[in-house]
Amino acid sequence: MEMENLEAFRQALENRHRKNDASQAINLVAINLTKAKSELSHATTSLAELMDIADEQNCKSCLVFLAELRATAISAYNTINSAEKELQNRGGCQSSGT
């Protein structure tokens, strides 16, 4: 009987360790998402400033290129923001068995 309890205890520890590892990985992803959003926010601001300069210099091809870059950065920001919200809504990675 004691061997069964020991095995159950070992499995419980192993499962807890896996959950802790998963939780740490999810927290790291959440931190990285926040950092990525911040960087993209700064990038879109900088691109808008460059667009103003290109407009003042009447460089239409530069303006088009910068506008495309900014649209891509905004799209990436929105995608990351959606992923971040989804992660928060799910409360991390929880299995239905717990």
PDB file of N, CA and C in Angstrom:
ATOM      1  N   MET A   1       0.821  -1.188   0.000  1.00  0.00           N
ATOM      2  CA  MET A   1       0.000   0.000   0.000  1.00  0.00           C
ATOM      3  C   MET A   1       0.871   1.260   0.000  1.00  0.00           C
ATOM      4  N   GLU A   2       1.981   1.242   0.756  1.00  0.00           N
ATOM      5  CA  GLU A   2       2.846   2.405   0.824  1.00  0.00           C
ATOM      6  C   GLU A   2       3.477   2.724  -0.524  1.00  0.00           C
ATOM      7  N   MET A   3       3.814   1.700  -1.322  1.00  0.00           N
ATOM      8  CA  MET A   3       4.405   1.923  -2.642  1.00  0.00           C
ATOM      9  C   MET A   3       3.413   2.648  -3.548  1.00  0.00           C
ATOM     10  N   GLU A   4       2.136   2.314  -3.433  1.00  0.00           N
ATOM     11  CA  GLU A   4       1.126   2.992  -4.246  1.00  0.00           C
ATOM     12  C   GLU A   4       1.030   4.466  -3.857  1.00  0.00           C
ATOM     13  N   ASN A   5       1.069   4.743  -2.543  1.00  0.00           N
ATOM     14  CA  ASN A   5       1.025   6.126  -2.081  1.00  0.00           C
ATOM     15  C   ASN A   5       2.257   6.894  -2.540  1.00  0.00           C
ATOM     16  N   LEU A   6       3.401   6.238  -2.489  1.00  0.00           N
ATOM     17  CA  LEU A   6       4.638   6.869  -2.932  1.00  0.00           C
ATOM     18  C   LEU A   6       4.578   7.181  -4.421  1.00  0.00           C
ATOM     19  N   GLU A   7       4.052   6.251  -5.204  1.00  0.00           N
ATOM     20  CA  GLU A   7       3.926   6.469  -6.651  1.00  0.00           C
ATOM     21  C   GLU A   7       2.926   7.597  -6.936  1.00  0.00           C
ATOM     22  N   ALA A   8       1.830   7.626  -6.216  1.00  0.00           N
ATOM     23  CA  ALA A   8       0.842   8.696  -6.390  1.00  0.00           C
ATOM     24  C   ALA A   8       1.465  10.044  -6.024  1.00  0.00           C
ATOM     25  N   PHE A   9       2.253  10.068  -4.955  1.00  0.00           N
ATOM     26  CA  PHE A   9       2.933  11.301  -4.530  1.00  0.00           C
ATOM     27  C   PHE A   9       3.936  11.750  -5.592  1.00  0.00           C
ATOM     28  N   ARG A  10       4.691  10.797  -6.134  1.00  0.00           N
ATOM     29  CA  ARG A  10       5.667  11.113  -7.185  1.00  0.00           C
ATOM     30  C   ARG A  10       4.966  11.694  -8.415  1.00  0.00           C
ATOM     31  N   GLN A  11       3.859  11.086  -8.805  1.00  0.00           N
ATOM     32  CA  GLN A  11       3.114  11.581  -9.966  1.00  0.00           C
ATOM     33  C   GLN A  11       2.544  12.973  -9.705  1.00  0.00           C
ATOM     34  N   ALA A  12       2.059  13.200  -8.480  1.00  0.00           N
ATOM     35  CA  ALA A  12       1.528  14.520  -8.134  1.00  0.00           C
ATOM     36  C   ALA A  12       2.628  15.578  -8.220  1.00  0.00           C
ATOM     37  N   LEU A  13       3.828  15.250  -7.708  1.00  0.00           N
ATOM     38  CA  LEU A  13       4.946  16.187  -7.799  1.00  0.00           C
ATOM     39  C   LEU A  13       5.336  16.450  -9.250  1.00  0.00           C
ATOM     40  N   GLU A  14       5.358  15.396 -10.036  1.00  0.00           N
ATOM     41  CA  GLU A  14       5.716  15.530 -11.449  1.00  0.00           C
ATOM     42  C   GLU A  14       4.698  16.403 -12.174  1.00  0.00           C
ATOM     43  N   ASN A  15       3.419  16.179 -11.893  1.00  0.00           N
ATOM     44  CA  ASN A  15       2.370  16.986 -12.526  1.00  0.00           C
ATOM     45  C   ASN A  15       2.464  18.443 -12.102  1.00  0.00           C
ATOM     46  N   ARG A  16       2.737  18.683 -10.809  1.00  0.00           N
ATOM     47  CA  ARG A  16       2.872  20.048 -10.311  1.00  0.00           C
ATOM     48  C   ARG A  16       4.069  20.725 -10.988  1.00  0.00           C
ATOM     49  N   HIS A  17       5.155  19.991 -11.146  1.00  0.00           N
ATOM     50  CA  HIS A  17       6.345  20.540 -11.794  1.00  0.00           C
ATOM     51  C   HIS A  17       6.026  20.930 -13.236  1.00  0.00           C
ATOM     52  N   ARG A  18       5.292  20.070 -13.949  1.00  0.00           N
ATOM     53  CA  ARG A  18       4.916  20.387 -15.337  1.00  0.00           C
ATOM     54  C   ARG A  18       4.031  21.615 -15.390  1.00  0.00           C
ATOM     55  N   LYS A  19       3.075  21.720 -14.464  1.00  0.00           N
ATOM     56  CA  LYS A  19       2.191  22.884 -14.441  1.00  0.00           C
ATOM     57  C   LYS A  19       2.977  24.149 -14.149  1.00  0.00           C
ATOM     58  N   ASN A  20       3.936  24.059 -13.211  1.00  0.00           N
ATOM     59  CA  ASN A  20       4.765  25.221 -12.901  1.00  0.00           C
ATOM     60  C   ASN A  20       5.604  25.632 -14.103  1.00  0.00           C
ATOM     61  N   ASP A  21       6.170  24.649 -14.811  1.00  0.00           N
ATOM     62  CA  ASP A  21       6.950  24.939 -16.010  1.00  0.00           C
ATOM     63  C   ASP A  21       6.087  25.617 -17.065  1.00  0.00           C
ATOM     64  N   ALA A  22       4.871  25.097 -17.261  1.00  0.00           N
ATOM     65  CA  ALA A  22       3.958  25.679 -18.240  1.00  0.00           C
ATOM     66  C   ALA A  22       3.563  27.089 -17.829  1.00  0.00           C
ATOM     67  N   SER A  23       3.306  27.278 -16.553  1.00  0.00           N
ATOM     68  CA  SER A  23       2.927  28.599 -16.054  1.00  0.00           C
ATOM     69  C   SER A  23       4.061  29.598 -16.254  1.00  0.00           C
ATOM     70  N   GLN A  24       5.287  29.173 -15.979  1.00  0.00           N
ATOM     71  CA  GLN A  24       6.446  30.048 -16.179  1.00  0.00           C
ATOM     72  C   GLN A  24       6.615  30.394 -17.656  1.00  0.00           C
ATOM     73  N   ALA A  25       6.405  29.416 -18.528  1.00  0.00           N
ATOM     74  CA  ALA A  25       6.528  29.659 -19.969  1.00  0.00           C
ATOM     75  C   ALA A  25       5.460  30.646 -20.432  1.00  0.00           C
ATOM     76  N   ILE A  26       4.251  30.497 -19.925  1.00  0.00           N
ATOM     77  CA  ILE A  26       3.166  31.407 -20.296  1.00  0.00           C
ATOM     78  C   ILE A  26       3.463  32.817 -19.791  1.00  0.00           C
ATOM     79  N   ASN A  27       3.975  32.920 -18.578  1.00  0.00           N
ATOM     80  CA  ASN A  27       4.334  34.237 -18.043  1.00  0.00           C
ATOM     81  C   ASN A  27       5.417  34.893 -18.886  1.00  0.00           C
ATOM     82  N   LEU A  28       6.391  34.114 -19.330  1.00  0.00           N
ATOM     83  CA  LEU A  28       7.447  34.647 -20.182  1.00  0.00           C
ATOM     84  C   LEU A  28       6.880  35.137 -21.513  1.00  0.00           C
ATOM     85  N   VAL A  29       5.956  34.369 -22.082  1.00  0.00           N
ATOM     86  CA  VAL A  29       5.311  34.783 -23.332  1.00  0.00           C
ATOM     87  C   VAL A  29       4.562  36.091 -23.113  1.00  0.00           C
ATOM     88  N   ALA A  30       3.827  36.189 -22.003  1.00  0.00           N
ATOM     89  CA  ALA A  30       3.069  37.409 -21.710  1.00  0.00           C
ATOM     90  C   ALA A  30       4.003  38.621 -21.592  1.00  0.00           C
ATOM     91  N   ILE A  31       5.134  38.436 -20.931  1.00  0.00           N
ATOM     92  CA  ILE A  31       6.112  39.521 -20.803  1.00  0.00           C
ATOM     93  C   ILE A  31       6.646  39.917 -22.177  1.00  0.00           C
ATOM     94  N   ASN A  32       6.957  38.921 -23.001  1.00  0.00           N
ATOM     95  CA  ASN A  32       7.482  39.200 -24.338  1.00  0.00           C
ATOM     96  C   ASN A  32       6.448  39.890 -25.221  1.00  0.00           C
ATOM     97  N   LEU A  33       5.170  39.523 -25.057  1.00  0.00           N
ATOM     98  CA  LEU A  33       4.112  40.189 -25.822  1.00  0.00           C
ATOM     99  C   LEU A  33       4.023  41.663 -25.441  1.00  0.00           C
ATOM    100  N   THR A  34       4.128  41.938 -24.156  1.00  0.00           N
ATOM    101  CA  THR A  34       4.078  43.322 -23.689  1.00  0.00           C
ATOM    102  C   THR A  34       5.252  44.121 -24.245  1.00  0.00           C
ATOM    103  N   LYS A  35       6.437  43.526 -24.223  1.00  0.00           N
ATOM    104  CA  LYS A  35       7.622  44.195 -24.771  1.00  0.00           C
ATOM    105  C   LYS A  35       7.459  44.447 -26.267  1.00  0.00           C
ATOM    106  N   ALA A  36       6.943  43.457 -26.975  1.00  0.00           N
ATOM    107  CA  ALA A  36       6.760  43.595 -28.424  1.00  0.00           C
ATOM    108  C   ALA A  36       5.764  44.711 -28.742  1.00  0.00           C
ATOM    109  N   LYS A  37       4.682  44.784 -27.969  1.00  0.00           N
ATOM    110  CA  LYS A  37       3.712  45.862 -28.178  1.00  0.00           C
ATOM    111  C   LYS A  37       4.355  47.223 -27.960  1.00  0.00           C
ATOM    112  N   SER A  38       5.173  47.344 -26.934  1.00  0.00           N
ATOM    113  CA  SER A  38       5.847  48.606 -26.654  1.00  0.00           C
ATOM    114  C   SER A  38       6.772  48.995 -27.806  1.00  0.00           C
ATOM    115  N   GLU A  39       7.554  48.048 -28.289  1.00  0.00           N
ATOM    116  CA  GLU A  39       8.470  48.320 -29.402  1.00  0.00           C
ATOM    117  C   GLU A  39       7.704  48.719 -30.662  1.00  0.00           C
ATOM    118  N   LEU A  40       6.611  48.021 -30.931  1.00  0.00           N
ATOM    119  CA  LEU A  40       5.820  48.353 -32.121  1.00  0.00           C
ATOM    120  C   LEU A  40       5.161  49.718 -31.982  1.00  0.00           C
ATOM    121  N   SER A  41       4.746  50.054 -30.782  1.00  0.00           N
ATOM    122  CA  SER A  41       4.164  51.372 -30.542  1.00  0.00           C
ATOM    123  C   SER A  41       5.184  52.465 -30.837  1.00  0.00           C
ATOM    124  N   HIS A  42       6.412  52.281 -30.343  1.00  0.00           N
ATOM    125  CA  HIS A  42       7.479  53.249 -30.617  1.00  0.00           C
ATOM    126  C   HIS A  42       7.783  53.307 -32.119  1.00  0.00           C
ATOM    127  N   ALA A  43       7.778  52.158 -32.752  1.00  0.00           N
ATOM    128  CA  ALA A  43       8.070  52.110 -34.189  1.00  0.00           C
ATOM    129  C   ALA A  43       7.005  52.854 -34.994  1.00  0.00           C
ATOM    130  N   THR A  44       5.732  52.659 -34.657  1.00  0.00           N
ATOM    131  CA  THR A  44       4.680  53.344 -35.413  1.00  0.00           C
ATOM    132  C   THR A  44       4.750  54.853 -35.206  1.00  0.00           C
ATOM    133  N   THR A  45       5.121  55.285 -34.000  1.00  0.00           N
ATOM    134  CA  THR A  45       5.287  56.720 -33.745  1.00  0.00           C
ATOM    135  C   THR A  45       6.437  57.271 -34.589  1.00  0.00           C
ATOM    136  N   SER A  46       7.544  56.552 -34.613  1.00  0.00           N
ATOM    137  CA  SER A  46       8.702  56.987 -35.410  1.00  0.00           C
ATOM    138  C   SER A  46       8.366  57.008 -36.897  1.00  0.00           C
ATOM    139  N   LEU A  47       7.644  56.009 -37.353  1.00  0.00           N
ATOM    140  CA  LEU A  47       7.264  55.977 -38.765  1.00  0.00           C
ATOM    141  C   LEU A  47       6.339  57.143 -39.111  1.00  0.00           C
ATOM    142  N   ALA A  48       5.433  57.487 -38.207  1.00  0.00           N
ATOM    143  CA  ALA A  48       4.559  58.640 -38.445  1.00  0.00           C
ATOM    144  C   ALA A  48       5.382  59.926 -38.553  1.00  0.00           C
ATOM    145  N   GLU A  49       6.409  60.051 -37.709  1.00  0.00           N
ATOM    146  CA  GLU A  49       7.282  61.227 -37.772  1.00  0.00           C
ATOM    147  C   GLU A  49       8.049  61.267 -39.100  1.00  0.00           C
ATOM    148  N   LEU A  50       8.523  60.111 -39.530  1.00  0.00           N
ATOM    149  CA  LEU A  50       9.208  60.046 -40.827  1.00  0.00           C
ATOM    150  C   LEU A  50       8.256  60.362 -41.974  1.00  0.00           C
ATOM    151  N   MET A  51       7.006  59.938 -41.834  1.00  0.00           N
ATOM    152  CA  MET A  51       6.009  60.245 -42.864  1.00  0.00           C
ATOM    153  C   MET A  51       5.797  61.757 -42.965  1.00  0.00           C
ATOM    154  N   ASP A  52       5.779  62.436 -41.821  1.00  0.00           N
ATOM    155  CA  ASP A  52       5.645  63.901 -41.835  1.00  0.00           C
ATOM    156  C   ASP A  52       6.810  64.543 -42.574  1.00  0.00           C
ATOM    157  N   ILE A  53       8.012  64.045 -42.307  1.00  0.00           N
ATOM    158  CA  ILE A  53       9.201  64.573 -42.985  1.00  0.00           C
ATOM    159  C   ILE A  53       9.128  64.301 -44.484  1.00  0.00           C
ATOM    160  N   ALA A  54       8.741  63.091 -44.852  1.00  0.00           N
ATOM    161  CA  ALA A  54       8.630  62.740 -46.274  1.00  0.00           C
ATOM    162  C   ALA A  54       7.584  63.609 -46.957  1.00  0.00           C
ATOM    163  N   ASP A  55       6.510  63.900 -46.235  1.00  0.00           N
ATOM    164  CA  ASP A  55       5.456  64.749 -46.797  1.00  0.00           C
ATOM    165  C   ASP A  55       5.970  66.175 -46.996  1.00  0.00           C
ATOM    166  N   GLU A  56       6.699  66.683 -45.998  1.00  0.00           N
ATOM    167  CA  GLU A  56       7.276  68.027 -46.113  1.00  0.00           C
ATOM    168  C   GLU A  56       8.262  68.114 -47.270  1.00  0.00           C
ATOM    169  N   GLN A  57       8.994  67.029 -47.492  1.00  0.00           N
ATOM    170  CA  GLN A  57       9.988  67.001 -48.574  1.00  0.00           C
ATOM    171  C   GLN A  57       9.360  66.634 -49.916  1.00  0.00           C
ATOM    172  N   ASN A  58       8.067  66.380 -49.881  1.00  0.00           N
ATOM    173  CA  ASN A  58       7.304  66.035 -51.082  1.00  0.00           C
ATOM    174  C   ASN A  58       7.848  64.761 -51.752  1.00  0.00           C
ATOM    175  N   CYS A  59       8.230  63.807 -50.935  1.00  0.00           N
ATOM    176  CA  CYS A  59       8.748  62.529 -51.432  1.00  0.00           C
ATOM    177  C   CYS A  59       7.621  61.502 -51.385  1.00  0.00           C
ATOM    178  N   LYS A  60       6.852  61.456 -52.450  1.00  0.00           N
ATOM    179  CA  LYS A  60       5.661  60.600 -52.476  1.00  0.00           C
ATOM    180  C   LYS A  60       6.005  59.112 -52.377  1.00  0.00           C
ATOM    181  N   SER A  61       7.078  58.693 -53.037  1.00  0.00           N
ATOM    182  CA  SER A  61       7.440  57.267 -52.976  1.00  0.00           C
ATOM    183  C   SER A  61       7.872  56.884 -51.563  1.00  0.00           C
ATOM    184  N   CYS A  62       8.575  57.800 -50.886  1.00  0.00           N
ATOM    185  CA  CYS A  62       8.958  57.548 -49.492  1.00  0.00           C
ATOM    186  C   CYS A  62       7.720  57.473 -48.612  1.00  0.00           C
ATOM    187  N   LEU A  63       6.786  58.374 -48.858  1.00  0.00           N
ATOM    188  CA  LEU A  63       5.565  58.432 -48.068  1.00  0.00           C
ATOM    189  C   LEU A  63       4.763  57.140 -48.214  1.00  0.00           C
ATOM    190  N   VAL A  64       4.663  56.644 -49.429  1.00  0.00           N
ATOM    191  CA  VAL A  64       3.931  55.393 -49.671  1.00  0.00           C
ATOM    192  C   VAL A  64       4.621  54.228 -48.957  1.00  0.00           C
ATOM    193  N   PHE A  65       5.937  54.157 -49.091  1.00  0.00           N
ATOM    194  CA  PHE A  65       6.702  53.086 -48.446  1.00  0.00           C
ATOM    195  C   PHE A  65       6.546  53.129 -46.932  1.00  0.00           C
ATOM    196  N   LEU A  66       6.685  54.298 -46.343  1.00  0.00           N
ATOM    197  CA  LEU A  66       6.563  54.454 -44.894  1.00  0.00           C
ATOM    198  C   LEU A  66       5.141  54.148 -44.423  1.00  0.00           C
ATOM    199  N   ALA A  67       4.162  54.536 -45.203  1.00  0.00           N
ATOM    200  CA  ALA A  67       2.770  54.246 -44.846  1.00  0.00           C
ATOM    201  C   ALA A  67       2.521  52.740 -44.834  1.00  0.00           C
ATOM    202  N   GLU A  68       3.101  52.028 -45.796  1.00  0.00           N
ATOM    203  CA  GLU A  68       2.961  50.565 -45.824  1.00  0.00           C
ATOM    204  C   GLU A  68       3.642  49.932 -44.615  1.00  0.00           C
ATOM    205  N   LEU A  69       4.839  50.425 -44.282  1.00  0.00           N
ATOM    206  CA  LEU A  69       5.542  49.917 -43.097  1.00  0.00           C
ATOM    207  C   LEU A  69       4.727  50.169 -41.832  1.00  0.00           C
ATOM    208  N   ARG A  70       4.170  51.371 -41.731  1.00  0.00           N
ATOM    209  CA  ARG A  70       3.396  51.724 -40.536  1.00  0.00           C
ATOM    210  C   ARG A  70       2.133  50.861 -40.448  1.00  0.00           C
ATOM    211  N   ALA A  71       1.484  50.634 -41.558  1.00  0.00           N
ATOM    212  CA  ALA A  71       0.283  49.789 -41.557  1.00  0.00           C
ATOM    213  C   ALA A  71       0.629  48.367 -41.113  1.00  0.00           C
ATOM    214  N   THR A  72       1.767  47.867 -41.554  1.00  0.00           N
ATOM    215  CA  THR A  72       2.207  46.530 -41.150  1.00  0.00           C
ATOM    216  C   THR A  72       2.506  46.495 -39.652  1.00  0.00           C
ATOM    217  N   ALA A  73       3.167  47.530 -39.151  1.00  0.00           N
ATOM    218  CA  ALA A  73       3.479  47.595 -37.721  1.00  0.00           C
ATOM    219  C   ALA A  73       2.200  47.680 -36.890  1.00  0.00           C
ATOM    220  N   ILE A  74       1.241  48.464 -37.336  1.00  0.00           N
ATOM    221  CA  ILE A  74      -0.037  48.587 -36.618  1.00  0.00           C
ATOM    222  C   ILE A  74      -0.769  47.261 -36.626  1.00  0.00           C
ATOM    223  N   SER A  75      -0.749  46.574 -37.749  1.00  0.00           N
ATOM    224  CA  SER A  75      -1.391  45.260 -37.844  1.00  0.00           C
ATOM    225  C   SER A  75      -0.742  44.264 -36.888  1.00  0.00           C
ATOM    226  N   ALA A  76       0.589  44.281 -36.826  1.00  0.00           N
ATOM    227  CA  ALA A  76       1.310  43.396 -35.903  1.00  0.00           C
ATOM    228  C   ALA A  76       0.962  43.740 -34.461  1.00  0.00           C
ATOM    229  N   TYR A  77       0.890  45.026 -34.151  1.00  0.00           N
ATOM    230  CA  TYR A  77       0.520  45.469 -32.804  1.00  0.00           C
ATOM    231  C   TYR A  77      -0.865  44.943 -32.437  1.00  0.00           C
ATOM    232  N   ASN A  78      -1.812  45.094 -33.362  1.00  0.00           N
ATOM    233  CA  ASN A  78      -3.177  44.635 -33.099  1.00  0.00           C
ATOM    234  C   ASN A  78      -3.252  43.118 -32.923  1.00  0.00           C
ATOM    235  N   THR A  79      -2.472  42.396 -33.693  1.00  0.00           N
ATOM    236  CA  THR A  79      -2.437  40.941 -33.557  1.00  0.00           C
ATOM    237  C   THR A  79      -1.882  40.544 -32.195  1.00  0.00           C
ATOM    238  N   ILE A  80      -0.795  41.190 -31.785  1.00  0.00           N
ATOM    239  CA  ILE A  80      -0.201  40.903 -30.481  1.00  0.00           C
ATOM    240  C   ILE A  80      -1.156  41.288 -29.360  1.00  0.00           C
ATOM    241  N   ASN A  81      -1.828  42.414 -29.515  1.00  0.00           N
ATOM    242  CA  ASN A  81      -2.792  42.852 -28.508  1.00  0.00           C
ATOM    243  C   ASN A  81      -3.919  41.831 -28.362  1.00  0.00           C
ATOM    244  N   SER A  82      -4.400  41.304 -29.481  1.00  0.00           N
ATOM    245  CA  SER A  82      -5.442  40.272 -29.445  1.00  0.00           C
ATOM    246  C   SER A  82      -4.950  39.005 -28.760  1.00  0.00           C
ATOM    247  N   ALA A  83      -3.719  38.610 -29.064  1.00  0.00           N
ATOM    248  CA  ALA A  83      -3.139  37.416 -28.431  1.00  0.00           C
ATOM    249  C   ALA A  83      -2.992  37.623 -26.930  1.00  0.00           C
ATOM    250  N   GLU A  84      -2.570  38.808 -26.543  1.00  0.00           N
ATOM    251  CA  GLU A  84      -2.404  39.126 -25.135  1.00  0.00           C
ATOM    252  C   GLU A  84      -3.749  39.072 -24.401  1.00  0.00           C
ATOM    253  N   LYS A  85      -4.779  39.641 -25.000  1.00  0.00           N
ATOM    254  CA  LYS A  85      -6.117  39.611 -24.390  1.00  0.00           C
ATOM    255  C   LYS A  85      -6.647  38.192 -24.285  1.00  0.00           C
ATOM    256  N   GLU A  86      -6.406  37.400 -25.316  1.00  0.00           N
ATOM    257  CA  GLU A  86      -6.853  36.001 -25.296  1.00  0.00           C
ATOM    258  C   GLU A  86      -6.154  35.231 -24.184  1.00  0.00           C
ATOM    259  N   LEU A  87      -4.885  35.464 -24.028  1.00  0.00           N
ATOM    260  CA  LEU A  87      -4.115  34.821 -22.961  1.00  0.00           C
ATOM    261  C   LEU A  87      -4.672  35.222 -21.595  1.00  0.00           C
ATOM    262  N   GLN A  88      -4.993  36.492 -21.435  1.00  0.00           N
ATOM    263  CA  GLN A  88      -5.566  36.966 -20.162  1.00  0.00           C
ATOM    264  C   GLN A  88      -6.958  36.382 -19.933  1.00  0.00           C
ATOM    265  N   ASN A  89      -7.769  36.329 -20.987  1.00  0.00           N
ATOM    266  CA  ASN A  89      -9.123  35.792 -20.848  1.00  0.00           C
ATOM    267  C   ASN A  89      -9.130  34.321 -20.458  1.00  0.00           C
ATOM    268  N   ARG A  90      -8.143  33.589 -20.951  1.00  0.00           N
ATOM    269  CA  ARG A  90      -8.071  32.168 -20.649  1.00  0.00           C
ATOM    270  C   ARG A  90      -7.420  31.915 -19.289  1.00  0.00           C
ATOM    271  N   GLY A  91      -6.847  32.940 -18.705  1.00  0.00           N
ATOM    272  CA  GLY A  91      -6.191  32.788 -17.417  1.00  0.00           C
ATOM    273  C   GLY A  91      -4.981  31.889 -17.504  1.00  0.00           C
ATOM    274  N   GLY A  92      -4.290  31.941 -18.627  1.00  0.00           N
ATOM    275  CA  GLY A  92      -3.134  31.070 -18.825  1.00  0.00           C
ATOM    276  C   GLY A  92      -3.559  29.792 -19.500  1.00  0.00           C
ATOM    277  N   CYS A  93      -2.835  28.762 -19.247  1.00  0.00           N
ATOM    278  CA  CYS A  93      -3.097  27.466 -19.878  1.00  0.00           C
ATOM    279  C   CYS A  93      -3.660  26.522 -18.811  1.00  0.00           C
ATOM    280  N   GLN A  94      -4.945  26.398 -18.819  1.00  0.00           N
ATOM    281  CA  GLN A  94      -5.585  25.534 -17.824  1.00  0.00           C
ATOM    282  C   GLN A  94      -6.243  24.361 -18.531  1.00  0.00           C
ATOM    283  N   SER A  95      -5.963  23.183 -18.049  1.00  0.00           N
ATOM    284  CA  SER A  95      -6.597  22.016 -18.645  1.00  0.00           C
ATOM    285  C   SER A  95      -7.970  21.842 -18.019  1.00  0.00           C
ATOM    286  N   SER A  96      -8.880  21.222 -18.743  1.00  0.00           N
ATOM    287  CA  SER A  96     -10.242  21.037 -18.232  1.00  0.00           C
ATOM    288  C   SER A  96     -10.283  19.978 -17.149  1.00  0.00           C
ATOM    289  N   GLY A  97      -9.190  19.221 -17.002  1.00  0.00           N
ATOM    290  CA  GLY A  97      -9.156  18.152 -16.012  1.00  0.00           C
ATOM    291  C   GLY A  97      -8.784  18.604 -14.614  1.00  0.00           C
ATOM    292  N   THR A  98      -8.463  19.891 -14.424  1.00  0.00           N
ATOM    293  CA  THR A  98      -8.060  20.357 -13.101  1.00  0.00           C
ATOM    294  C   THR A  98      -9.141  21.106 -12.405  1.00  0.00           C
TER     295      THR A  98
END
